[in-house]
N, C-alpha and C. Protein backbone atom coordinates (compact mmCIF):
# COMPACT_ATOMS: atom_id res chain seq x y z
N UNK A 1 133.76 77.75 96.98
CA UNK A 1 135.17 77.65 96.71
C UNK A 1 135.94 78.14 97.91
N UNK A 2 136.90 77.37 98.36
CA UNK A 2 137.67 77.72 99.54
C UNK A 2 138.71 78.77 99.19
N UNK A 3 138.86 79.74 100.09
CA UNK A 3 139.84 80.80 99.89
C UNK A 3 141.19 80.31 100.41
N UNK A 4 142.22 80.52 99.63
CA UNK A 4 143.56 80.10 100.02
C UNK A 4 144.02 80.99 101.15
N UNK A 5 144.50 80.37 102.22
CA UNK A 5 145.00 81.14 103.35
C UNK A 5 146.39 81.67 103.06
N UNK A 6 146.60 82.94 103.28
CA UNK A 6 147.89 83.56 103.08
C UNK A 6 148.10 84.48 104.27
N UNK A 7 149.15 84.26 105.05
CA UNK A 7 149.33 85.06 106.27
C UNK A 7 149.38 86.56 105.99
N UNK A 8 148.58 87.31 106.74
CA UNK A 8 148.53 88.75 106.59
C UNK A 8 149.89 89.42 106.79
N UNK A 9 150.71 88.97 107.78
CA UNK A 9 152.03 89.60 107.93
C UNK A 9 152.91 89.42 106.68
N UNK A 10 152.73 88.31 105.98
CA UNK A 10 153.51 88.09 104.76
C UNK A 10 153.06 89.05 103.66
N UNK A 11 151.75 89.26 103.54
CA UNK A 11 151.23 90.23 102.56
C UNK A 11 151.78 91.62 102.89
N UNK A 12 151.76 91.97 104.16
CA UNK A 12 152.26 93.29 104.58
C UNK A 12 153.75 93.43 104.25
N UNK A 13 154.53 92.39 104.54
CA UNK A 13 155.96 92.44 104.24
C UNK A 13 156.20 92.58 102.74
N UNK A 14 155.47 91.84 101.93
CA UNK A 14 155.60 91.95 100.47
C UNK A 14 155.22 93.34 100.00
N UNK A 15 154.13 93.85 100.55
CA UNK A 15 153.64 95.18 100.16
C UNK A 15 154.67 96.26 100.49
N UNK A 16 155.25 96.19 101.67
CA UNK A 16 156.25 97.19 102.09
C UNK A 16 157.53 97.07 101.27
N UNK A 17 157.99 95.84 101.07
CA UNK A 17 159.23 95.62 100.31
C UNK A 17 159.07 96.09 98.87
N UNK A 18 158.00 95.66 98.21
CA UNK A 18 157.80 96.02 96.81
C UNK A 18 157.47 97.51 96.67
N UNK A 19 156.74 98.05 97.63
CA UNK A 19 156.45 99.49 97.60
C UNK A 19 157.73 100.31 97.65
N UNK A 20 158.63 99.97 98.55
CA UNK A 20 159.91 100.68 98.64
C UNK A 20 160.71 100.51 97.35
N UNK A 21 160.73 99.31 96.82
CA UNK A 21 161.45 99.03 95.58
C UNK A 21 160.94 99.90 94.43
N UNK A 22 159.60 99.97 94.27
CA UNK A 22 159.03 100.74 93.17
C UNK A 22 159.20 102.24 93.37
N UNK A 23 159.19 102.71 94.62
CA UNK A 23 159.45 104.12 94.88
C UNK A 23 160.87 104.48 94.45
N UNK A 24 161.83 103.67 94.85
CA UNK A 24 163.23 103.92 94.48
C UNK A 24 163.39 103.88 92.96
N UNK A 25 162.81 102.87 92.34
CA UNK A 25 162.92 102.72 90.89
C UNK A 25 162.28 103.89 90.15
N UNK A 26 161.09 104.29 90.58
CA UNK A 26 160.41 105.41 89.93
C UNK A 26 161.14 106.73 90.13
N UNK A 27 161.65 106.95 91.34
CA UNK A 27 162.38 108.20 91.63
C UNK A 27 163.64 108.31 90.78
N UNK A 28 164.38 107.22 90.70
CA UNK A 28 165.63 107.32 89.94
C UNK A 28 165.35 107.54 88.45
N UNK A 29 164.27 107.01 87.94
CA UNK A 29 163.91 107.26 86.55
C UNK A 29 163.47 108.72 86.36
N UNK A 30 162.71 109.24 87.32
CA UNK A 30 162.28 110.63 87.23
C UNK A 30 163.45 111.60 87.33
N UNK A 31 164.46 111.25 88.10
CA UNK A 31 165.62 112.12 88.25
C UNK A 31 166.42 112.26 86.96
N UNK A 32 166.35 111.26 86.09
CA UNK A 32 167.06 111.33 84.82
C UNK A 32 166.15 110.82 83.70
N UNK A 33 165.10 111.59 83.44
CA UNK A 33 164.12 111.19 82.42
C UNK A 33 164.75 111.10 81.03
N UNK A 34 165.71 111.95 80.76
CA UNK A 34 166.35 111.92 79.45
C UNK A 34 167.05 110.57 79.24
N UNK A 35 167.79 110.13 80.25
CA UNK A 35 168.47 108.84 80.14
C UNK A 35 167.46 107.70 80.03
N UNK A 36 166.40 107.75 80.85
CA UNK A 36 165.38 106.70 80.79
C UNK A 36 164.73 106.68 79.41
N UNK A 37 164.49 107.84 78.83
CA UNK A 37 163.94 107.90 77.49
C UNK A 37 164.88 107.26 76.47
N UNK A 38 166.19 107.47 76.63
CA UNK A 38 167.16 106.84 75.74
C UNK A 38 167.14 105.32 75.87
N UNK A 39 166.98 104.84 77.10
CA UNK A 39 166.89 103.40 77.33
C UNK A 39 165.64 102.84 76.65
N UNK A 40 164.51 103.53 76.80
CA UNK A 40 163.28 103.09 76.15
C UNK A 40 163.47 103.04 74.63
N UNK A 41 164.15 104.06 74.09
CA UNK A 41 164.40 104.10 72.64
C UNK A 41 165.24 102.91 72.19
N UNK A 42 166.18 102.45 73.05
CA UNK A 42 167.02 101.31 72.69
C UNK A 42 166.22 100.02 72.50
N UNK A 43 165.05 99.94 73.09
CA UNK A 43 164.22 98.76 72.91
C UNK A 43 163.65 98.67 71.49
N UNK A 44 163.64 99.78 70.78
CA UNK A 44 163.19 99.85 69.39
C UNK A 44 161.78 99.26 69.20
N UNK A 45 160.89 99.63 70.10
CA UNK A 45 159.52 99.14 70.03
C UNK A 45 158.53 100.27 69.74
N UNK A 46 158.79 101.44 70.33
CA UNK A 46 157.86 102.57 70.22
C UNK A 46 158.34 103.61 69.22
N UNK A 47 157.40 104.31 68.60
CA UNK A 47 157.80 105.47 67.78
C UNK A 47 158.45 106.52 68.68
N UNK A 48 159.41 107.24 68.15
CA UNK A 48 160.18 108.18 68.96
C UNK A 48 159.34 109.27 69.60
N UNK A 49 158.23 109.68 68.97
CA UNK A 49 157.43 110.75 69.56
C UNK A 49 156.68 110.30 70.82
N UNK A 50 156.52 108.99 71.06
CA UNK A 50 155.87 108.48 72.27
C UNK A 50 156.84 108.38 73.45
N UNK A 51 158.11 108.31 73.19
CA UNK A 51 159.10 107.98 74.22
C UNK A 51 159.10 108.94 75.41
N UNK A 52 159.13 110.27 75.21
CA UNK A 52 159.11 111.15 76.40
C UNK A 52 157.88 110.95 77.28
N UNK A 53 156.72 110.79 76.66
CA UNK A 53 155.49 110.59 77.44
C UNK A 53 155.52 109.26 78.19
N UNK A 54 156.01 108.21 77.54
CA UNK A 54 156.08 106.89 78.18
C UNK A 54 157.09 106.93 79.33
N UNK A 55 158.20 107.63 79.15
CA UNK A 55 159.21 107.73 80.21
C UNK A 55 158.60 108.39 81.45
N UNK A 56 157.88 109.46 81.25
CA UNK A 56 157.23 110.15 82.39
C UNK A 56 156.15 109.27 82.99
N UNK A 57 155.31 108.69 82.14
CA UNK A 57 154.20 107.86 82.61
C UNK A 57 154.69 106.67 83.44
N UNK A 58 155.67 105.93 82.91
CA UNK A 58 156.18 104.76 83.65
C UNK A 58 156.84 105.17 84.95
N UNK A 59 157.61 106.25 84.94
CA UNK A 59 158.28 106.71 86.15
C UNK A 59 157.28 107.11 87.22
N UNK A 60 156.31 107.93 86.83
CA UNK A 60 155.29 108.38 87.78
C UNK A 60 154.43 107.22 88.28
N UNK A 61 154.13 106.30 87.39
CA UNK A 61 153.32 105.14 87.75
C UNK A 61 154.04 104.29 88.80
N UNK A 62 155.33 104.05 88.58
CA UNK A 62 156.10 103.28 89.57
C UNK A 62 156.14 104.01 90.91
N UNK A 63 156.37 105.30 90.88
CA UNK A 63 156.43 106.09 92.11
C UNK A 63 155.09 106.09 92.83
N UNK A 64 154.02 106.35 92.11
CA UNK A 64 152.69 106.40 92.71
C UNK A 64 152.25 105.04 93.25
N UNK A 65 152.41 104.00 92.45
CA UNK A 65 152.01 102.66 92.89
C UNK A 65 152.85 102.20 94.07
N UNK A 66 154.14 102.50 94.04
CA UNK A 66 155.00 102.15 95.17
C UNK A 66 154.56 102.85 96.45
N UNK A 67 154.22 104.12 96.33
CA UNK A 67 153.75 104.88 97.49
C UNK A 67 152.44 104.31 98.01
N UNK A 68 151.53 104.00 97.09
CA UNK A 68 150.24 103.43 97.49
C UNK A 68 150.42 102.08 98.18
N UNK A 69 151.36 101.26 97.70
CA UNK A 69 151.63 99.98 98.36
C UNK A 69 152.22 100.22 99.75
N UNK A 70 153.12 101.17 99.84
CA UNK A 70 153.78 101.43 101.12
C UNK A 70 152.80 101.89 102.19
N UNK A 71 151.85 102.74 101.82
CA UNK A 71 150.89 103.25 102.81
C UNK A 71 149.58 102.46 102.84
N UNK A 72 149.53 101.38 102.08
CA UNK A 72 148.36 100.50 102.02
C UNK A 72 147.10 101.24 101.58
N UNK A 73 147.23 101.98 100.52
CA UNK A 73 146.11 102.71 99.93
C UNK A 73 145.83 102.10 98.57
N UNK A 74 144.66 101.52 98.41
CA UNK A 74 144.28 100.86 97.16
C UNK A 74 145.35 99.85 96.74
N UNK A 75 145.76 98.99 97.66
CA UNK A 75 146.84 98.03 97.40
C UNK A 75 146.53 97.09 96.25
N UNK A 76 145.30 96.65 96.17
CA UNK A 76 144.94 95.74 95.07
C UNK A 76 145.08 96.43 93.72
N UNK A 77 144.60 97.64 93.64
CA UNK A 77 144.67 98.39 92.39
C UNK A 77 146.12 98.67 92.01
N UNK A 78 146.90 99.19 92.94
CA UNK A 78 148.28 99.54 92.62
C UNK A 78 149.11 98.31 92.28
N UNK A 79 148.89 97.20 92.97
CA UNK A 79 149.65 96.00 92.62
C UNK A 79 149.20 95.44 91.27
N UNK A 80 147.93 95.60 90.93
CA UNK A 80 147.45 95.16 89.62
C UNK A 80 148.06 96.00 88.50
N UNK A 81 148.18 97.30 88.72
CA UNK A 81 148.84 98.17 87.73
C UNK A 81 150.30 97.75 87.57
N UNK A 82 150.97 97.47 88.69
CA UNK A 82 152.37 97.05 88.62
C UNK A 82 152.51 95.69 87.95
N UNK A 83 151.54 94.81 88.13
CA UNK A 83 151.55 93.53 87.41
C UNK A 83 151.53 93.77 85.90
N UNK A 84 150.67 94.68 85.46
CA UNK A 84 150.60 95.00 84.03
C UNK A 84 151.92 95.57 83.55
N UNK A 85 152.52 96.44 84.33
CA UNK A 85 153.81 97.03 83.94
C UNK A 85 154.90 95.96 83.88
N UNK A 86 154.87 95.02 84.82
CA UNK A 86 155.88 93.95 84.81
C UNK A 86 155.74 93.10 83.54
N UNK A 87 154.50 92.85 83.12
CA UNK A 87 154.28 92.10 81.88
C UNK A 87 154.89 92.86 80.70
N UNK A 88 154.69 94.16 80.67
CA UNK A 88 155.27 94.98 79.60
C UNK A 88 156.79 94.91 79.62
N UNK A 89 157.39 95.06 80.82
CA UNK A 89 158.85 95.02 80.94
C UNK A 89 159.39 93.66 80.50
N UNK A 90 158.76 92.60 80.96
CA UNK A 90 159.22 91.24 80.63
C UNK A 90 159.09 90.99 79.12
N UNK A 91 157.95 91.36 78.55
CA UNK A 91 157.74 91.15 77.11
C UNK A 91 158.75 91.95 76.29
N UNK A 92 159.03 93.19 76.70
CA UNK A 92 159.99 94.02 75.96
C UNK A 92 161.39 93.41 76.01
N UNK A 93 161.78 92.94 77.20
CA UNK A 93 163.12 92.34 77.31
C UNK A 93 163.21 91.05 76.50
N UNK A 94 162.19 90.19 76.59
CA UNK A 94 162.20 88.94 75.82
C UNK A 94 162.25 89.25 74.33
N UNK A 95 161.47 90.24 73.89
CA UNK A 95 161.47 90.64 72.49
C UNK A 95 162.87 91.03 72.03
N UNK A 96 163.55 91.83 72.82
CA UNK A 96 164.88 92.29 72.42
C UNK A 96 165.93 91.19 72.50
N UNK A 97 165.82 90.31 73.48
CA UNK A 97 166.75 89.18 73.57
C UNK A 97 166.58 88.30 72.34
N UNK A 98 165.34 88.05 71.95
CA UNK A 98 165.08 87.21 70.78
C UNK A 98 165.58 87.87 69.48
N UNK A 99 165.57 89.20 69.45
CA UNK A 99 166.06 89.91 68.27
C UNK A 99 167.57 90.12 68.30
N UNK A 100 168.20 89.72 69.41
CA UNK A 100 169.65 89.84 69.51
C UNK A 100 170.14 91.23 69.85
N UNK A 101 169.26 92.10 70.33
CA UNK A 101 169.66 93.46 70.71
C UNK A 101 170.25 93.44 72.12
N UNK A 102 171.35 94.13 72.29
CA UNK A 102 171.99 94.22 73.61
C UNK A 102 172.04 95.67 74.02
N UNK A 103 171.51 95.96 75.19
CA UNK A 103 171.55 97.31 75.74
C UNK A 103 171.16 97.26 77.21
N UNK A 104 171.29 98.39 77.86
CA UNK A 104 170.94 98.52 79.27
C UNK A 104 169.44 98.27 79.42
N UNK A 105 169.06 97.59 80.53
CA UNK A 105 167.63 97.30 80.72
C UNK A 105 166.87 98.49 81.27
N UNK A 106 167.56 99.49 81.84
CA UNK A 106 166.89 100.68 82.36
C UNK A 106 166.54 100.59 83.82
N UNK A 107 167.02 99.57 84.50
CA UNK A 107 166.69 99.37 85.90
C UNK A 107 167.88 99.76 86.80
N UNK A 108 167.58 100.34 87.92
CA UNK A 108 168.57 100.58 88.98
C UNK A 108 169.79 101.38 88.51
N UNK A 109 169.56 102.46 87.80
CA UNK A 109 170.68 103.26 87.31
C UNK A 109 171.51 103.83 88.45
N UNK A 110 170.84 104.28 89.52
CA UNK A 110 171.56 104.86 90.65
C UNK A 110 172.49 103.82 91.27
N UNK A 111 171.97 102.63 91.52
CA UNK A 111 172.80 101.57 92.10
C UNK A 111 173.90 101.15 91.14
N UNK A 112 173.59 101.15 89.85
CA UNK A 112 174.59 100.79 88.85
C UNK A 112 175.74 101.78 88.86
N UNK A 113 175.41 103.07 88.92
CA UNK A 113 176.46 104.09 88.95
C UNK A 113 177.23 104.04 90.26
N UNK A 114 176.53 103.79 91.36
CA UNK A 114 177.17 103.75 92.67
C UNK A 114 178.17 102.60 92.78
N UNK A 115 177.81 101.45 92.25
CA UNK A 115 178.66 100.26 92.37
C UNK A 115 179.39 99.91 91.06
N UNK A 116 179.23 100.73 90.04
CA UNK A 116 179.92 100.49 88.78
C UNK A 116 179.41 99.28 88.01
N UNK A 117 178.17 98.92 88.24
CA UNK A 117 177.57 97.78 87.56
C UNK A 117 176.77 98.27 86.36
N UNK A 118 176.68 97.44 85.36
CA UNK A 118 175.82 97.75 84.21
C UNK A 118 174.93 96.54 83.99
N UNK A 119 173.64 96.77 84.02
CA UNK A 119 172.71 95.66 83.86
C UNK A 119 172.11 95.67 82.46
N UNK A 120 172.56 94.74 81.66
CA UNK A 120 172.07 94.62 80.29
C UNK A 120 170.86 93.69 80.29
N UNK A 121 170.00 93.85 79.27
CA UNK A 121 168.87 92.94 79.18
C UNK A 121 169.41 91.53 78.97
N UNK A 122 168.68 90.57 79.50
CA UNK A 122 169.10 89.19 79.41
C UNK A 122 168.30 88.36 80.39
N UNK A 123 168.75 87.16 80.62
CA UNK A 123 168.01 86.22 81.47
C UNK A 123 167.90 86.71 82.92
N UNK A 124 168.95 87.35 83.44
CA UNK A 124 168.92 87.84 84.82
C UNK A 124 167.79 88.82 85.08
N UNK A 125 167.74 89.94 84.34
CA UNK A 125 166.65 90.88 84.55
C UNK A 125 165.26 90.29 84.25
N UNK A 126 165.19 89.40 83.27
CA UNK A 126 163.90 88.78 82.96
C UNK A 126 163.43 87.93 84.14
N UNK A 127 164.33 87.11 84.69
CA UNK A 127 163.98 86.27 85.85
C UNK A 127 163.61 87.15 87.04
N UNK A 128 164.37 88.24 87.26
CA UNK A 128 164.07 89.15 88.37
C UNK A 128 162.68 89.73 88.22
N UNK A 129 162.31 90.18 87.02
CA UNK A 129 160.99 90.76 86.82
C UNK A 129 159.88 89.71 86.94
N UNK A 130 160.16 88.49 86.53
CA UNK A 130 159.19 87.41 86.74
C UNK A 130 158.99 87.16 88.24
N UNK A 131 160.08 87.22 89.00
CA UNK A 131 159.98 87.07 90.46
C UNK A 131 159.14 88.19 91.06
N UNK A 132 159.37 89.44 90.62
CA UNK A 132 158.56 90.55 91.11
C UNK A 132 157.09 90.34 90.74
N UNK A 133 156.82 89.84 89.55
CA UNK A 133 155.45 89.54 89.13
C UNK A 133 154.82 88.54 90.09
N UNK A 134 155.54 87.48 90.40
CA UNK A 134 155.03 86.45 91.31
C UNK A 134 154.79 87.02 92.70
N UNK A 135 155.69 87.89 93.17
CA UNK A 135 155.54 88.48 94.50
C UNK A 135 154.37 89.47 94.56
N UNK A 136 154.03 90.07 93.43
CA UNK A 136 152.89 90.99 93.39
C UNK A 136 151.54 90.27 93.41
N UNK A 137 151.51 89.03 92.95
CA UNK A 137 150.24 88.31 92.84
C UNK A 137 149.45 88.21 94.15
N UNK A 138 150.09 87.80 95.27
CA UNK A 138 149.30 87.72 96.51
C UNK A 138 148.73 89.07 96.93
N UNK A 139 149.46 90.15 96.67
CA UNK A 139 148.96 91.47 97.03
C UNK A 139 147.75 91.80 96.16
N UNK A 140 147.85 91.52 94.88
CA UNK A 140 146.75 91.84 93.95
C UNK A 140 145.49 91.04 94.26
N UNK A 141 145.65 89.80 94.68
CA UNK A 141 144.48 88.95 94.89
C UNK A 141 144.00 88.86 96.33
N UNK A 142 144.91 89.04 97.28
CA UNK A 142 144.54 88.75 98.67
C UNK A 142 144.67 89.92 99.63
N UNK A 143 145.23 91.02 99.20
CA UNK A 143 145.40 92.13 100.14
C UNK A 143 144.08 92.84 100.36
N UNK A 144 144.09 93.70 101.33
CA UNK A 144 142.90 94.46 101.67
C UNK A 144 142.56 95.42 100.54
N UNK A 145 141.28 95.62 100.34
CA UNK A 145 140.83 96.57 99.34
C UNK A 145 140.31 97.83 100.02
N UNK A 146 140.65 97.98 101.28
CA UNK A 146 140.11 99.08 102.07
C UNK A 146 140.84 100.38 101.81
N UNK A 147 140.19 101.44 102.17
CA UNK A 147 140.81 102.76 102.15
C UNK A 147 141.17 103.04 103.61
N UNK A 148 142.44 103.25 103.92
CA UNK A 148 142.89 103.31 105.31
C UNK A 148 142.16 104.31 106.20
N UNK A 149 141.71 105.43 105.66
CA UNK A 149 141.07 106.43 106.52
C UNK A 149 139.58 106.17 106.73
N UNK A 150 139.01 105.20 106.05
CA UNK A 150 137.61 104.83 106.28
C UNK A 150 137.53 103.68 107.27
N UNK A 151 136.56 103.74 108.14
CA UNK A 151 136.36 102.67 109.09
C UNK A 151 135.79 101.45 108.38
N UNK A 152 136.23 100.25 108.82
CA UNK A 152 135.70 99.02 108.24
C UNK A 152 134.21 98.93 108.53
N UNK A 153 133.46 98.61 107.51
CA UNK A 153 132.02 98.44 107.67
C UNK A 153 131.70 96.95 107.58
N UNK A 154 130.99 96.46 108.56
CA UNK A 154 130.67 95.04 108.61
C UNK A 154 129.23 94.80 108.32
């Protein structure tokens, strides 16, 4: 089976861009875990006793995976974890749109406050997360699986 050629500089650019994005997203959620927990509660999917743990877990996961993408450490693993998280985010938003629930999607709170924008769940955030999912795929399937501090063994 022939391997699809994908330029390495493009993988690197995607990895750096998405890594920075996830670091910013994870940090802003960690800075206001209480608010992020309230946003998660608005989705009306999880029992309330899970919400604080999920808020911390998702925030730390975004921060850690973003950092790993940025420094090219276990890029395949971290992008695969982020792919799973994107599926969860997309499914949760679609679920709430179908149920007619309207609330903040929980993304980019810092930028929202800075520019006075409010991002509610809907087609825009769903399409954006699908785009991020698509952009993560080449990293998950084609990026290096190396550990940067180990020498390549041939």
